[in-house]
């Protein structure tokens, strides 16, 4: 299992991915988040995207650019899911508060 840069928060939020298909035609597909973090999200829904593609992700009118870092294999338990990484960490599209996990300082 990989190391996470930020803790994941289980949060189901309606969202929309935006992009261009292989023929250059624009698409907009509704998805839902399964979990979110400062650095990305895990999404579920029918998605016409592949690993390595840059997409737009819109939540309640807020938009950000994300890199598709993985797409679940067809027939797998996670089929229909994909993981995305925020390409501009200064842009926050989530409407819920994300709390960082910081270890307490012991004196």
Protein backbone atom coordinates (compact mmCIF):
# COMPACT_ATOMS: atom_id res chain seq x y z
CA UNK A 1 0.00 0.00 0.00
CA UNK A 2 1.30 3.50 -0.87
CA UNK A 3 1.93 6.31 1.55
CA UNK A 4 -0.63 9.09 1.54
CA UNK A 5 0.41 12.74 1.61
CA UNK A 6 -2.83 13.70 3.34
CA UNK A 7 -5.42 11.68 5.26
CA UNK A 8 -8.51 10.57 3.34
CA UNK A 9 -11.88 11.63 4.65
CA UNK A 10 -14.84 9.42 3.72
CA UNK A 11 -17.19 11.90 2.06
CA UNK A 12 -19.81 11.37 -0.62
CA UNK A 13 -20.19 14.50 -2.72
CA UNK A 14 -21.85 14.86 -6.10
CA UNK A 15 -19.34 16.10 -8.67
CA UNK A 16 -18.79 16.31 -12.41
CA UNK A 17 -15.71 15.46 -14.45
CA UNK A 18 -15.00 17.57 -17.52
CA UNK A 19 -12.64 16.83 -20.35
CA UNK A 20 -12.04 15.94 -23.97
CA UNK A 21 -12.46 12.43 -25.32
CA UNK A 22 -10.00 10.82 -27.73
CA UNK A 23 -11.72 12.44 -30.72
CA UNK A 24 -11.45 15.90 -29.12
CA UNK A 25 -15.14 16.15 -28.23
CA UNK A 26 -15.95 17.73 -24.86
CA UNK A 27 -17.64 15.57 -22.24
CA UNK A 28 -19.19 16.18 -18.84
CA UNK A 29 -19.98 13.15 -16.66
CA UNK A 30 -21.60 13.07 -13.21
CA UNK A 31 -19.62 11.19 -10.55
CA UNK A 32 -19.56 10.91 -6.76
CA UNK A 33 -16.63 11.07 -4.41
CA UNK A 34 -15.98 8.13 -2.10
CA UNK A 35 -13.28 9.91 -0.13
CA UNK A 36 -11.42 13.19 -0.41
CA UNK A 37 -8.20 14.79 0.79
CA UNK A 38 -6.21 17.98 0.21
CA UNK A 39 -4.23 16.23 -2.49
CA UNK A 40 -6.97 14.35 -4.36
CA UNK A 41 -10.00 12.10 -4.30
CA UNK A 42 -11.38 8.69 -5.09
CA UNK A 43 -14.37 8.89 -7.45
CA UNK A 44 -17.00 6.47 -8.65
CA UNK A 45 -19.18 6.57 -11.75
CA UNK A 46 -19.04 5.81 -15.45
CA UNK A 47 -15.92 7.62 -16.63
CA UNK A 48 -14.47 7.90 -20.13
CA UNK A 49 -10.95 8.62 -18.86
CA UNK A 50 -7.68 6.76 -18.51
CA UNK A 51 -4.63 6.91 -16.28
CA UNK A 52 -2.40 9.91 -17.00
CA UNK A 53 -5.16 12.14 -18.35
CA UNK A 54 -5.81 15.63 -17.00
CA UNK A 55 -9.45 16.36 -16.24
CA UNK A 56 -11.53 19.11 -14.73
CA UNK A 57 -13.48 18.29 -11.58
CA UNK A 58 -16.40 20.48 -10.55
CA UNK A 59 -18.13 20.48 -7.17
CA UNK A 60 -20.93 23.00 -6.52
CA UNK A 61 -19.58 25.40 -9.15
CA UNK A 62 -15.97 25.19 -7.92
CA UNK A 63 -13.55 23.79 -10.50
CA UNK A 64 -10.07 22.34 -10.30
CA UNK A 65 -7.59 20.48 -12.53
CA UNK A 66 -6.77 16.90 -11.58
CA UNK A 67 -4.55 14.13 -12.89
CA UNK A 68 -6.07 10.65 -13.18
CA UNK A 69 -3.56 8.50 -11.28
CA UNK A 70 -5.41 5.18 -11.41
CA UNK A 71 -8.50 3.59 -12.90
CA UNK A 72 -9.88 0.34 -11.48
CA UNK A 73 -9.73 -2.64 -13.81
CA UNK A 74 -12.91 -3.87 -15.43
CA UNK A 75 -14.30 -6.81 -13.47
CA UNK A 76 -12.44 -5.86 -10.27
CA UNK A 77 -14.14 -5.19 -6.94
CA UNK A 78 -13.43 -1.46 -7.44
CA UNK A 79 -14.71 -1.34 -11.04
CA UNK A 80 -15.98 2.15 -11.89
CA UNK A 81 -13.63 3.88 -9.45
CA UNK A 82 -10.72 6.17 -10.20
CA UNK A 83 -8.18 8.12 -8.19
CA UNK A 84 -7.32 11.71 -8.99
CA UNK A 85 -4.54 14.03 -7.80
CA UNK A 86 -5.05 17.78 -7.44
CA UNK A 87 -2.70 19.59 -9.86
CA UNK A 88 -3.04 22.92 -8.05
CA UNK A 89 -2.94 22.39 -4.27
CA UNK A 90 -3.83 26.07 -3.74
CA UNK A 91 -7.21 25.43 -5.37
CA UNK A 92 -9.75 23.91 -2.97
CA UNK A 93 -12.99 22.72 -4.53
CA UNK A 94 -14.38 20.82 -1.54
CA UNK A 95 -17.24 22.40 0.38
CA UNK A 96 -16.46 20.38 3.52
CA UNK A 97 -13.67 21.19 5.96
CA UNK A 98 -10.60 18.99 5.63
CA UNK A 99 -8.68 18.57 8.85
CA UNK A 100 -5.03 17.55 8.69
CA UNK A 101 -3.89 14.83 11.02
CA UNK A 102 -1.01 16.25 13.02
CA UNK A 103 0.69 14.25 15.74
CA UNK A 104 0.50 15.94 19.15
CA UNK A 105 3.69 17.43 20.52
CA UNK A 106 4.75 15.78 23.79
CA UNK A 107 6.69 17.86 26.27
